[in-house]
Amino acid sequence: MERQVLFGSRIRAIREAKNLSREVAAERAGIHPNYLGELERGEKWPKIEMMERVAAVGIPVKVNIDSGGEAERHSGAKANSSRSEATLAR
């Protein structure tokens, strides 16, 4: 759960650094503001599709994928893995 909270706090910090309200960021990402709030509070882990939507607002989201295809976003491990980064800025 600690990593989930850290992940969410980073999303919030980047959003705030871009001077985006939660409502505006969520609207641009095509998600509900309450869902974005749950992510920022570490209450939920986003699916890959949601990470891409958040990245579309200019909030970089990095995901490491191990050879088994499981996202290492929970562990932050840097094993031999393919790395995918979604950073589409508007």
Protein backbone atom coordinates (compact mmCIF):
# COMPACT_ATOMS: atom_id res chain seq x y z
CA MET A 1 0.00 0.00 0.00
CA GLU A 2 2.91 2.38 0.64
CA ARG A 3 3.96 2.31 -3.01
CA GLN A 4 0.40 2.95 -4.08
CA VAL A 5 0.28 6.09 -1.90
CA LEU A 6 3.69 7.21 -3.20
CA PHE A 7 2.53 6.70 -6.80
CA GLY A 8 -0.59 8.77 -6.13
CA SER A 9 1.27 11.55 -4.36
CA ARG A 10 3.62 11.86 -7.35
CA ILE A 11 0.67 12.15 -9.72
CA ARG A 12 -0.82 14.89 -7.52
CA ALA A 13 2.50 16.76 -7.22
CA ILE A 14 3.03 16.79 -10.99
CA ARG A 15 -0.56 17.85 -11.63
CA GLU A 16 -0.25 20.68 -9.13
CA ALA A 17 3.12 21.75 -10.58
CA LYS A 18 1.34 22.12 -13.92
CA ASN A 19 -1.29 24.29 -12.17
CA LEU A 20 -4.08 21.90 -13.15
CA SER A 21 -7.08 21.40 -10.93
CA ARG A 22 -8.20 17.83 -10.39
CA GLU A 23 -11.35 18.56 -12.40
CA VAL A 24 -9.48 20.00 -15.39
CA ALA A 25 -6.87 17.22 -15.40
CA ALA A 26 -9.57 14.56 -15.15
CA GLU A 27 -11.60 16.14 -17.94
CA ARG A 28 -8.56 16.28 -20.23
CA ALA A 29 -7.75 12.66 -19.39
CA GLY A 30 -11.33 11.54 -19.97
CA ILE A 31 -11.74 10.16 -16.47
CA HIS A 32 -13.95 11.11 -13.53
CA PRO A 33 -12.43 13.59 -11.03
CA ASN A 34 -13.32 11.25 -8.17
CA TYR A 35 -11.30 8.46 -9.81
CA LEU A 36 -8.31 10.77 -10.21
CA GLY A 37 -8.67 11.65 -6.53
CA GLU A 38 -8.66 7.96 -5.60
CA LEU A 39 -5.46 7.50 -7.60
CA GLU A 40 -3.84 10.51 -5.96
CA ARG A 41 -4.75 9.29 -2.47
CA GLY A 42 -3.37 5.83 -3.23
CA GLU A 43 -6.75 4.16 -2.91
CA LYS A 44 -6.61 2.57 -6.36
CA TRP A 45 -4.02 1.29 -8.83
CA PRO A 46 -4.79 2.38 -12.38
CA LYS A 47 -4.99 -0.04 -15.27
CA ILE A 48 -2.61 0.56 -18.17
CA GLU A 49 -5.35 2.32 -20.16
CA MET A 50 -5.91 4.75 -17.30
CA MET A 51 -2.16 5.38 -17.01
CA GLU A 52 -2.12 6.30 -20.69
CA ARG A 53 -5.01 8.72 -20.14
CA VAL A 54 -3.23 10.35 -17.22
CA ALA A 55 -0.05 10.59 -19.31
CA ALA A 56 -2.03 12.33 -22.06
CA VAL A 57 -2.50 15.26 -19.68
CA GLY A 58 1.27 15.64 -19.44
CA ILE A 59 1.81 13.62 -16.27
CA PRO A 60 4.56 11.11 -17.10
CA VAL A 61 3.82 7.54 -16.03
CA LYS A 62 6.53 4.87 -16.24
CA VAL A 63 5.81 1.14 -16.23
CA ASN A 64 8.38 -1.65 -16.17
CA ILE A 65 7.20 -4.93 -17.63
CA ASP A 66 9.03 -8.12 -16.73
CA SER A 67 9.44 -11.11 -19.04
CA GLY A 68 6.22 -12.62 -17.66
CA GLY A 69 4.25 -9.61 -18.79
CA GLU A 70 3.33 -8.44 -15.29
CA ALA A 71 3.72 -4.73 -14.58
CA GLU A 72 6.40 -4.07 -11.98
CA ARG A 73 4.88 -0.76 -11.02
CA HIS A 74 4.15 -2.12 -7.53
CA SER A 75 7.72 -3.13 -6.74
CA GLY A 76 9.66 -0.54 -8.70
CA ALA A 77 12.14 -3.32 -9.48
CA LYS A 78 14.73 -2.66 -12.15
CA ALA A 79 15.36 -6.22 -13.28
CA ASN A 80 15.96 -7.08 -16.91
CA SER A 81 12.74 -5.71 -18.27
CA SER A 82 11.24 -3.97 -21.22
CA ARG A 83 10.44 -0.40 -20.37
CA SER A 84 7.45 1.50 -21.64
CA GLU A 85 6.97 5.19 -20.91
CA ALA A 86 3.86 7.12 -21.77
CA THR A 87 4.48 10.85 -21.75
CA LEU A 88 2.15 12.47 -24.20
CA ALA A 89 2.04 16.19 -23.42
CA ARG A 90 -0.72 18.49 -24.56
